[in-house]
């Protein structure tokens, strides 16, 4: 499950201005759950599994783009004996993922590689491409989905969760937020059109913002209720940062600035 990457892809260490430093990763894990750095943790994984029910088969080859520290990859192995290649731009994500795979005894089933999926060659195609809240980091969505289409076997599927904008332009506060984070977000229906333009069929666009808000509220509540556990590892400043960040995203959603989408698409067989 090895992939190769051109030497030209050598790049400055990516941590998104400290957002994905090791300390920040482990801090996020406290709110998302063990091995997860994405909205809803294992709950969202189960949601996506339910959308693939009846299609996903044991032993499938999966590419997890923006694989983080491995939560979804490990669950794909446990549930479906999948063979997973995870790729991530953040060096610390990949390092933690390797450590967790070794601890879980899954190093033969999960391979994490450091790189840019747009610039990486893979020796074999995949049955499923999976991504959780990662494509907001990639500006050129057309090039991204064209590349992912080329990496799928005929009849293969793509399933994604991702941040989206609710309107263009949004409030000045939201526009400043996406500038500061370096995010590149588009409206859900536009997302679906880009998938179709890349050749995907049976494209499903689910505006799951209500689910996102529900998850945000429960994650924030859980964090506050277990604050002492959090403070044994992290600081009060870290706690306040997460609580404030989650409240900010709830405000953006309430104002119609931010959305969260779930997308499912198929490569023509």
C-alpha atoms as a PDB file:
ATOM      1  CA  UNK A   1       0.000   0.000   0.000  1.00  0.00           C
ATOM      2  CA  UNK A   2       2.908   2.305  -0.663  1.00  0.00           C
ATOM      3  CA  UNK A   3       2.601   5.491  -2.657  1.00  0.00           C
ATOM      4  CA  UNK A   4       5.323   7.548  -4.233  1.00  0.00           C
ATOM      5  CA  UNK A   5       5.622  11.288  -4.369  1.00  0.00           C
ATOM      6  CA  UNK A   6       7.661  13.517  -6.670  1.00  0.00           C
ATOM      7  CA  UNK A   7      10.670  15.194  -5.135  1.00  0.00           C
ATOM      8  CA  UNK A   8       9.143  18.474  -6.271  1.00  0.00           C
ATOM      9  CA  UNK A   9       6.490  17.952  -3.616  1.00  0.00           C
ATOM     10  CA  UNK A  10       8.997  18.678  -0.865  1.00  0.00           C
ATOM     11  CA  UNK A  11       7.426  21.534   1.031  1.00  0.00           C
ATOM     12  CA  UNK A  12       7.574  23.573   4.167  1.00  0.00           C
ATOM     13  CA  UNK A  13       6.160  21.724   7.142  1.00  0.00           C
ATOM     14  CA  UNK A  14       2.363  22.080   7.117  1.00  0.00           C
ATOM     15  CA  UNK A  15       0.699  22.715  10.450  1.00  0.00           C
ATOM     16  CA  UNK A  16      -1.778  25.392   9.301  1.00  0.00           C
ATOM     17  CA  UNK A  17      -0.268  28.117  11.474  1.00  0.00           C
ATOM     18  CA  UNK A  18      -0.086  25.860  14.523  1.00  0.00           C
ATOM     19  CA  UNK A  19      -3.573  24.389  14.128  1.00  0.00           C
ATOM     20  CA  UNK A  20      -2.025  20.963  13.517  1.00  0.00           C
ATOM     21  CA  UNK A  21       0.955  21.026  15.840  1.00  0.00           C
ATOM     22  CA  UNK A  22       1.152  17.920  18.028  1.00  0.00           C
ATOM     23  CA  UNK A  23      -0.230  19.757  21.068  1.00  0.00           C
ATOM     24  CA  UNK A  24      -3.118  21.136  19.032  1.00  0.00           C
ATOM     25  CA  UNK A  25      -3.879  17.724  17.545  1.00  0.00           C
ATOM     26  CA  UNK A  26      -4.064  16.092  20.961  1.00  0.00           C
ATOM     27  CA  UNK A  27      -6.156  18.988  22.246  1.00  0.00           C
ATOM     28  CA  UNK A  28      -8.641  18.503  19.396  1.00  0.00           C
ATOM     29  CA  UNK A  29      -8.711  14.774  20.081  1.00  0.00           C
ATOM     30  CA  UNK A  30     -10.030  15.529  23.560  1.00  0.00           C
ATOM     31  CA  UNK A  31     -13.186  16.990  22.058  1.00  0.00           C
ATOM     32  CA  UNK A  32     -13.606  14.707  19.017  1.00  0.00           C
ATOM     33  CA  UNK A  33     -12.809  11.412  20.746  1.00  0.00           C
ATOM     34  CA  UNK A  34     -10.033   8.814  20.646  1.00  0.00           C
ATOM     35  CA  UNK A  35      -8.060   8.861  17.375  1.00  0.00           C
ATOM     36  CA  UNK A  36     -10.315  11.491  15.794  1.00  0.00           C
ATOM     37  CA  UNK A  37      -9.652  15.032  14.579  1.00  0.00           C
ATOM     38  CA  UNK A  38     -12.941  15.647  12.785  1.00  0.00           C
ATOM     39  CA  UNK A  39     -16.548  16.543  13.514  1.00  0.00           C
ATOM     40  CA  UNK A  40     -18.486  13.949  15.467  1.00  0.00           C
ATOM     41  CA  UNK A  41     -15.648  11.447  15.743  1.00  0.00           C
ATOM     42  CA  UNK A  42     -16.876   7.866  15.593  1.00  0.00           C
ATOM     43  CA  UNK A  43     -20.512   9.009  15.454  1.00  0.00           C
ATOM     44  CA  UNK A  44     -19.925  10.572  12.038  1.00  0.00           C
ATOM     45  CA  UNK A  45     -18.047   7.468  10.909  1.00  0.00           C
ATOM     46  CA  UNK A  46     -21.122   5.381  11.749  1.00  0.00           C
ATOM     47  CA  UNK A  47     -23.279   7.867   9.840  1.00  0.00           C
ATOM     48  CA  UNK A  48     -21.127   7.404   6.734  1.00  0.00           C
ATOM     49  CA  UNK A  49     -21.067   3.625   7.157  1.00  0.00           C
ATOM     50  CA  UNK A  50     -24.878   3.647   7.134  1.00  0.00           C
ATOM     51  CA  UNK A  51     -24.841   5.487   3.793  1.00  0.00           C
ATOM     52  CA  UNK A  52     -22.602   2.785   2.324  1.00  0.00           C
ATOM     53  CA  UNK A  53     -24.637  -0.096   3.739  1.00  0.00           C
ATOM     54  CA  UNK A  54     -25.157  -2.876   1.234  1.00  0.00           C
ATOM     55  CA  UNK A  55     -22.290  -1.649  -0.927  1.00  0.00           C
ATOM     56  CA  UNK A  56     -19.154  -1.685   1.198  1.00  0.00           C
ATOM     57  CA  UNK A  57     -17.519  -5.130   1.213  1.00  0.00           C
ATOM     58  CA  UNK A  58     -14.813  -6.788   3.337  1.00  0.00           C
ATOM     59  CA  UNK A  59     -11.270  -6.325   2.097  1.00  0.00           C
ATOM     60  CA  UNK A  60     -11.928  -3.162   0.088  1.00  0.00           C
ATOM     61  CA  UNK A  61      -9.071  -0.821  -0.715  1.00  0.00           C
ATOM     62  CA  UNK A  62      -9.721   2.621   0.769  1.00  0.00           C
ATOM     63  CA  UNK A  63      -7.940   5.941   0.343  1.00  0.00           C
ATOM     64  CA  UNK A  64      -8.517   8.253   3.313  1.00  0.00           C
ATOM     65  CA  UNK A  65      -7.624  11.795   2.229  1.00  0.00           C
ATOM     66  CA  UNK A  66      -6.792  14.032   5.182  1.00  0.00           C
ATOM     67  CA  UNK A  67      -6.582  10.945   7.358  1.00  0.00           C
ATOM     68  CA  UNK A  68      -5.622  12.793  10.533  1.00  0.00           C
ATOM     69  CA  UNK A  69      -4.502  10.459  13.314  1.00  0.00           C
ATOM     70  CA  UNK A  70      -6.369   7.450  11.994  1.00  0.00           C
ATOM     71  CA  UNK A  71      -9.757   7.181  13.667  1.00  0.00           C
ATOM     72  CA  UNK A  72     -11.780   6.399  10.545  1.00  0.00           C
ATOM     73  CA  UNK A  73      -9.026   4.233   9.057  1.00  0.00           C
ATOM     74  CA  UNK A  74      -8.922   2.042  12.157  1.00  0.00           C
ATOM     75  CA  UNK A  75     -12.713   1.718  12.216  1.00  0.00           C
ATOM     76  CA  UNK A  76     -12.736   0.747   8.534  1.00  0.00           C
ATOM     77  CA  UNK A  77     -10.289  -2.034   9.344  1.00  0.00           C
ATOM     78  CA  UNK A  78     -12.210  -3.220  12.398  1.00  0.00           C
ATOM     79  CA  UNK A  79     -15.611  -3.221  10.686  1.00  0.00           C
ATOM     80  CA  UNK A  80     -14.739  -4.268   7.136  1.00  0.00           C
ATOM     81  CA  UNK A  81     -11.189  -5.636   7.202  1.00  0.00           C
ATOM     82  CA  UNK A  82     -10.385  -2.833   4.769  1.00  0.00           C
ATOM     83  CA  UNK A  83      -6.903  -2.053   3.506  1.00  0.00           C
ATOM     84  CA  UNK A  84      -6.472   1.664   4.058  1.00  0.00           C
ATOM     85  CA  UNK A  85      -3.994   4.184   2.734  1.00  0.00           C
ATOM     86  CA  UNK A  86      -4.186   7.433   4.654  1.00  0.00           C
ATOM     87  CA  UNK A  87      -2.618  10.595   3.252  1.00  0.00           C
ATOM     88  CA  UNK A  88      -2.248  13.883   5.107  1.00  0.00           C
ATOM     89  CA  UNK A  89      -0.316  17.120   4.634  1.00  0.00           C
ATOM     90  CA  UNK A  90       0.413  17.511   8.351  1.00  0.00           C
ATOM     91  CA  UNK A  91       3.588  15.780   9.477  1.00  0.00           C
ATOM     92  CA  UNK A  92       2.456  15.442  13.071  1.00  0.00           C
ATOM     93  CA  UNK A  93      -0.851  13.843  12.015  1.00  0.00           C
ATOM     94  CA  UNK A  94       1.020  11.178  10.089  1.00  0.00           C
ATOM     95  CA  UNK A  95       3.490  10.583  12.919  1.00  0.00           C
ATOM     96  CA  UNK A  96       0.727  10.107  15.493  1.00  0.00           C
ATOM     97  CA  UNK A  97      -1.197   7.918  13.040  1.00  0.00           C
ATOM     98  CA  UNK A  98       1.787   5.608  12.627  1.00  0.00           C
ATOM     99  CA  UNK A  99       2.173   5.344  16.401  1.00  0.00           C
ATOM    100  CA  UNK A 100      -1.522   4.555  16.877  1.00  0.00           C
ATOM    101  CA  UNK A 101      -1.521   1.952  14.078  1.00  0.00           C
ATOM    102  CA  UNK A 102       1.429   0.191  15.677  1.00  0.00           C
ATOM    103  CA  UNK A 103      -0.232   0.234  19.111  1.00  0.00           C
ATOM    104  CA  UNK A 104      -3.463  -1.151  17.607  1.00  0.00           C
ATOM    105  CA  UNK A 105      -1.604  -3.884  15.730  1.00  0.00           C
ATOM    106  CA  UNK A 106      -2.873  -2.548  12.394  1.00  0.00           C
ATOM    107  CA  UNK A 107       0.341  -1.533  10.660  1.00  0.00           C
ATOM    108  CA  UNK A 108      -0.225  -4.279   8.089  1.00  0.00           C
ATOM    109  CA  UNK A 109      -3.687  -2.920   7.252  1.00  0.00           C
ATOM    110  CA  UNK A 110      -3.194   0.852   7.478  1.00  0.00           C
ATOM    111  CA  UNK A 111      -0.427   2.871   5.859  1.00  0.00           C
ATOM    112  CA  UNK A 112      -0.133   6.596   6.522  1.00  0.00           C
ATOM    113  CA  UNK A 113       1.823   8.734   4.091  1.00  0.00           C
ATOM    114  CA  UNK A 114       2.822  12.379   4.240  1.00  0.00           C
ATOM    115  CA  UNK A 115       1.899  14.237   1.085  1.00  0.00           C
ATOM    116  CA  UNK A 116      -0.411  16.168  -1.181  1.00  0.00           C
ATOM    117  CA  UNK A 117      -2.963  13.905  -2.866  1.00  0.00           C
ATOM    118  CA  UNK A 118      -2.830  16.116  -5.973  1.00  0.00           C
ATOM    119  CA  UNK A 119       0.879  15.375  -6.393  1.00  0.00           C
ATOM    120  CA  UNK A 120       1.022  11.758  -5.257  1.00  0.00           C
ATOM    121  CA  UNK A 121       1.066   8.669  -7.470  1.00  0.00           C
ATOM    122  CA  UNK A 122      -0.516   5.467  -6.168  1.00  0.00           C
ATOM    123  CA  UNK A 123       0.385   2.023  -7.544  1.00  0.00           C
ATOM    124  CA  UNK A 124      -3.188   0.726  -7.437  1.00  0.00           C
ATOM    125  CA  UNK A 125      -6.671   2.159  -7.662  1.00  0.00           C
ATOM    126  CA  UNK A 126      -9.156   2.234  -4.807  1.00  0.00           C
ATOM    127  CA  UNK A 127     -12.681   0.977  -4.240  1.00  0.00           C
ATOM    128  CA  UNK A 128     -13.580   3.803  -1.866  1.00  0.00           C
ATOM    129  CA  UNK A 129     -12.235   7.305  -1.276  1.00  0.00           C
ATOM    130  CA  UNK A 130     -13.076   8.695   2.132  1.00  0.00           C
ATOM    131  CA  UNK A 131     -12.490  12.179   3.521  1.00  0.00           C
ATOM    132  CA  UNK A 132     -13.571  13.992   6.663  1.00  0.00           C
ATOM    133  CA  UNK A 133     -13.438  17.790   6.923  1.00  0.00           C
ATOM    134  CA  UNK A 134     -10.240  18.068   4.906  1.00  0.00           C
ATOM    135  CA  UNK A 135     -11.044  19.435   1.451  1.00  0.00           C
ATOM    136  CA  UNK A 136     -11.607  22.922   2.843  1.00  0.00           C
ATOM    137  CA  UNK A 137      -7.791  23.103   2.757  1.00  0.00           C
ATOM    138  CA  UNK A 138      -7.670  22.573  -1.041  1.00  0.00           C
ATOM    139  CA  UNK A 139      -8.488  25.608  -3.217  1.00  0.00           C
ATOM    140  CA  UNK A 140      -8.729  23.881  -6.605  1.00  0.00           C
ATOM    141  CA  UNK A 141     -11.753  21.644  -6.127  1.00  0.00           C
ATOM    142  CA  UNK A 142     -12.020  20.870  -9.846  1.00  0.00           C
ATOM    143  CA  UNK A 143      -8.452  19.519  -9.977  1.00  0.00           C
ATOM    144  CA  UNK A 144      -9.004  17.664  -6.704  1.00  0.00           C
ATOM    145  CA  UNK A 145     -12.095  15.777  -7.835  1.00  0.00           C
ATOM    146  CA  UNK A 146     -10.628  15.044 -11.257  1.00  0.00           C
ATOM    147  CA  UNK A 147      -7.654  13.440  -9.511  1.00  0.00           C
ATOM    148  CA  UNK A 148      -9.836  11.479  -7.090  1.00  0.00           C
ATOM    149  CA  UNK A 149     -12.002  10.253  -9.972  1.00  0.00           C
ATOM    150  CA  UNK A 150      -8.855   8.904 -11.641  1.00  0.00           C
ATOM    151  CA  UNK A 151      -7.891   7.028  -8.471  1.00  0.00           C
ATOM    152  CA  UNK A 152     -11.127   5.035  -8.230  1.00  0.00           C
ATOM    153  CA  UNK A 153     -11.958   1.697  -9.768  1.00  0.00           C
ATOM    154  CA  UNK A 154     -15.013   1.666 -12.014  1.00  0.00           C
ATOM    155  CA  UNK A 155     -18.086   1.662  -9.778  1.00  0.00           C
ATOM    156  CA  UNK A 156     -16.027   2.936  -6.864  1.00  0.00           C
ATOM    157  CA  UNK A 157     -17.448   5.498  -4.462  1.00  0.00           C
ATOM    158  CA  UNK A 158     -16.397   8.750  -2.876  1.00  0.00           C
ATOM    159  CA  UNK A 159     -17.816   9.815   0.486  1.00  0.00           C
ATOM    160  CA  UNK A 160     -16.998  13.151   2.102  1.00  0.00           C
ATOM    161  CA  UNK A 161     -17.870  15.463   4.933  1.00  0.00           C
ATOM    162  CA  UNK A 162     -16.675  19.024   4.594  1.00  0.00           C
ATOM    163  CA  UNK A 163     -17.185  22.573   5.767  1.00  0.00           C
ATOM    164  CA  UNK A 164     -19.181  24.771   3.386  1.00  0.00           C
ATOM    165  CA  UNK A 165     -20.335  28.345   3.141  1.00  0.00           C
ATOM    166  CA  UNK A 166     -24.004  29.184   3.381  1.00  0.00           C
ATOM    167  CA  UNK A 167     -23.904  32.309   1.260  1.00  0.00           C
ATOM    168  CA  UNK A 168     -21.508  34.368  -0.805  1.00  0.00           C
ATOM    169  CA  UNK A 169     -20.436  36.740   0.539  1.00  0.00           C
ATOM    170  CA  UNK A 170     -21.047  35.821   4.153  1.00  0.00           C
ATOM    171  CA  UNK A 171     -20.697  38.085   7.178  1.00  0.00           C
ATOM    172  CA  UNK A 172     -17.396  39.949   7.590  1.00  0.00           C
ATOM    173  CA  UNK A 173     -16.671  37.846  10.710  1.00  0.00           C
ATOM    174  CA  UNK A 174     -17.045  34.588   8.784  1.00  0.00           C
ATOM    175  CA  UNK A 175     -15.000  35.848   5.839  1.00  0.00           C
ATOM    176  CA  UNK A 176     -12.233  36.842   8.258  1.00  0.00           C
ATOM    177  CA  UNK A 177     -12.421  33.395   9.892  1.00  0.00           C
ATOM    178  CA  UNK A 178     -11.890  31.538   6.624  1.00  0.00           C
ATOM    179  CA  UNK A 179      -9.091  33.912   5.621  1.00  0.00           C
ATOM    180  CA  UNK A 180      -7.316  33.350   8.934  1.00  0.00           C
ATOM    181  CA  UNK A 181      -7.690  29.575   8.757  1.00  0.00           C
ATOM    182  CA  UNK A 182      -6.786  29.399   5.085  1.00  0.00           C
ATOM    183  CA  UNK A 183     -10.000  27.526   4.340  1.00  0.00           C
ATOM    184  CA  UNK A 184     -11.503  27.437   0.849  1.00  0.00           C
ATOM    185  CA  UNK A 185     -15.208  26.739   1.153  1.00  0.00           C
ATOM    186  CA  UNK A 186     -18.015  26.655  -1.387  1.00  0.00           C
ATOM    187  CA  UNK A 187     -21.775  26.231  -1.088  1.00  0.00           C
ATOM    188  CA  UNK A 188     -23.083  22.629  -0.913  1.00  0.00           C
ATOM    189  CA  UNK A 189     -24.924  22.701  -4.249  1.00  0.00           C
ATOM    190  CA  UNK A 190     -21.820  24.106  -5.933  1.00  0.00           C
ATOM    191  CA  UNK A 191     -19.866  21.239  -4.368  1.00  0.00           C
ATOM    192  CA  UNK A 192     -22.219  18.775  -6.039  1.00  0.00           C
ATOM    193  CA  UNK A 193     -21.817  20.464  -9.422  1.00  0.00           C
ATOM    194  CA  UNK A 194     -18.013  20.248  -9.194  1.00  0.00           C
ATOM    195  CA  UNK A 195     -18.313  16.514  -8.473  1.00  0.00           C
ATOM    196  CA  UNK A 196     -20.541  16.042 -11.519  1.00  0.00           C
ATOM    197  CA  UNK A 197     -18.174  18.074 -13.703  1.00  0.00           C
ATOM    198  CA  UNK A 198     -15.365  15.688 -12.692  1.00  0.00           C
ATOM    199  CA  UNK A 199     -17.383  12.770 -14.084  1.00  0.00           C
ATOM    200  CA  UNK A 200     -19.048  11.428 -10.940  1.00  0.00           C
ATOM    201  CA  UNK A 201     -22.590  10.083 -11.190  1.00  0.00           C
ATOM    202  CA  UNK A 202     -25.341   9.468  -8.644  1.00  0.00           C
ATOM    203  CA  UNK A 203     -24.111  12.519  -6.722  1.00  0.00           C
ATOM    204  CA  UNK A 204     -25.902  13.040  -3.422  1.00  0.00           C
ATOM    205  CA  UNK A 205     -25.600  16.409  -1.672  1.00  0.00           C
ATOM    206  CA  UNK A 206     -26.809  16.400   1.926  1.00  0.00           C
ATOM    207  CA  UNK A 207     -26.887  19.752   3.687  1.00  0.00           C
ATOM    208  CA  UNK A 208     -26.221  18.274   7.128  1.00  0.00           C
ATOM    209  CA  UNK A 209     -25.801  21.592   8.948  1.00  0.00           C
ATOM    210  CA  UNK A 210     -28.459  20.723  11.546  1.00  0.00           C
ATOM    211  CA  UNK A 211     -26.534  17.547  12.378  1.00  0.00           C
ATOM    212  CA  UNK A 212     -23.318  19.573  12.575  1.00  0.00           C
ATOM    213  CA  UNK A 213     -24.856  22.053  15.030  1.00  0.00           C
ATOM    214  CA  UNK A 214     -26.230  19.233  17.176  1.00  0.00           C
ATOM    215  CA  UNK A 215     -22.771  17.648  17.299  1.00  0.00           C
ATOM    216  CA  UNK A 216     -21.112  20.985  18.119  1.00  0.00           C
ATOM    217  CA  UNK A 217     -23.514  21.554  21.018  1.00  0.00           C
ATOM    218  CA  UNK A 218     -22.956  18.083  22.462  1.00  0.00           C
ATOM    219  CA  UNK A 219     -19.176  18.220  22.012  1.00  0.00           C
ATOM    220  CA  UNK A 220     -19.015  21.593  23.746  1.00  0.00           C
ATOM    221  CA  UNK A 221     -21.262  20.426  26.583  1.00  0.00           C
ATOM    222  CA  UNK A 222     -19.172  17.284  27.066  1.00  0.00           C
ATOM    223  CA  UNK A 223     -16.000  19.342  27.167  1.00  0.00           C
ATOM    224  CA  UNK A 224     -17.407  21.687  29.824  1.00  0.00           C
ATOM    225  CA  UNK A 225     -18.764  18.813  31.917  1.00  0.00           C
ATOM    226  CA  UNK A 226     -15.375  17.056  31.842  1.00  0.00           C
ATOM    227  CA  UNK A 227     -13.293  20.177  32.248  1.00  0.00           C
ATOM    228  CA  UNK A 228     -11.259  18.760  35.145  1.00  0.00           C
ATOM    229  CA  UNK A 229     -10.230  15.782  33.040  1.00  0.00           C
ATOM    230  CA  UNK A 230      -9.244  18.164  30.235  1.00  0.00           C
ATOM    231  CA  UNK A 231      -7.281  20.383  32.640  1.00  0.00           C
ATOM    232  CA  UNK A 232      -5.153  17.472  33.820  1.00  0.00           C
ATOM    233  CA  UNK A 233      -3.481  17.583  30.390  1.00  0.00           C
ATOM    234  CA  UNK A 234      -4.181  21.016  28.934  1.00  0.00           C
ATOM    235  CA  UNK A 235      -4.534  24.572  30.191  1.00  0.00           C
ATOM    236  CA  UNK A 236      -7.523  26.754  30.985  1.00  0.00           C
ATOM    237  CA  UNK A 237      -6.536  28.788  27.928  1.00  0.00           C
ATOM    238  CA  UNK A 238      -6.807  25.660  25.764  1.00  0.00           C
ATOM    239  CA  UNK A 239     -10.224  24.873  27.215  1.00  0.00           C
ATOM    240  CA  UNK A 240     -11.517  28.387  26.625  1.00  0.00           C
ATOM    241  CA  UNK A 241     -10.168  28.340  23.067  1.00  0.00           C
ATOM    242  CA  UNK A 242     -12.182  25.225  22.196  1.00  0.00           C
ATOM    243  CA  UNK A 243     -15.369  26.374  23.930  1.00  0.00           C
ATOM    244  CA  UNK A 244     -15.172  29.766  22.200  1.00  0.00           C
ATOM    245  CA  UNK A 245     -14.338  28.182  18.839  1.00  0.00           C
ATOM    246  CA  UNK A 246     -17.313  25.828  18.997  1.00  0.00           C
ATOM    247  CA  UNK A 247     -19.642  28.678  20.038  1.00  0.00           C
ATOM    248  CA  UNK A 248     -18.351  30.723  17.109  1.00  0.00           C
ATOM    249  CA  UNK A 249     -19.182  27.944  14.632  1.00  0.00           C
ATOM    250  CA  UNK A 250     -22.655  27.605  16.139  1.00  0.00           C
ATOM    251  CA  UNK A 251     -23.166  31.367  15.576  1.00  0.00           C
ATOM    252  CA  UNK A 252     -21.992  31.115  11.984  1.00  0.00           C
ATOM    253  CA  UNK A 253     -24.441  28.290  11.303  1.00  0.00           C
ATOM    254  CA  UNK A 254     -27.317  30.123  13.005  1.00  0.00           C
ATOM    255  CA  UNK A 255     -26.620  33.179  10.827  1.00  0.00           C
ATOM    256  CA  UNK A 256     -26.551  31.078   7.669  1.00  0.00           C
ATOM    257  CA  UNK A 257     -22.870  31.819   7.032  1.00  0.00           C
ATOM    258  CA  UNK A 258     -21.551  28.301   7.545  1.00  0.00           C
ATOM    259  CA  UNK A 259     -22.852  24.921   6.492  1.00  0.00           C
ATOM    260  CA  UNK A 260     -21.629  21.339   6.716  1.00  0.00           C
ATOM    261  CA  UNK A 261     -22.164  18.921   3.893  1.00  0.00           C
ATOM    262  CA  UNK A 262     -22.086  15.172   3.385  1.00  0.00           C
ATOM    263  CA  UNK A 263     -21.461  14.097  -0.199  1.00  0.00           C
ATOM    264  CA  UNK A 264     -21.650  10.690  -1.864  1.00  0.00           C
ATOM    265  CA  UNK A 265     -20.710  10.039  -5.483  1.00  0.00           C
ATOM    266  CA  UNK A 266     -19.842   7.125  -7.767  1.00  0.00           C
ATOM    267  CA  UNK A 267     -17.339   6.611 -10.576  1.00  0.00           C
ATOM    268  CA  UNK A 268     -19.241   5.410 -13.605  1.00  0.00           C
ATOM    269  CA  UNK A 269     -18.929   1.641 -13.958  1.00  0.00           C
END
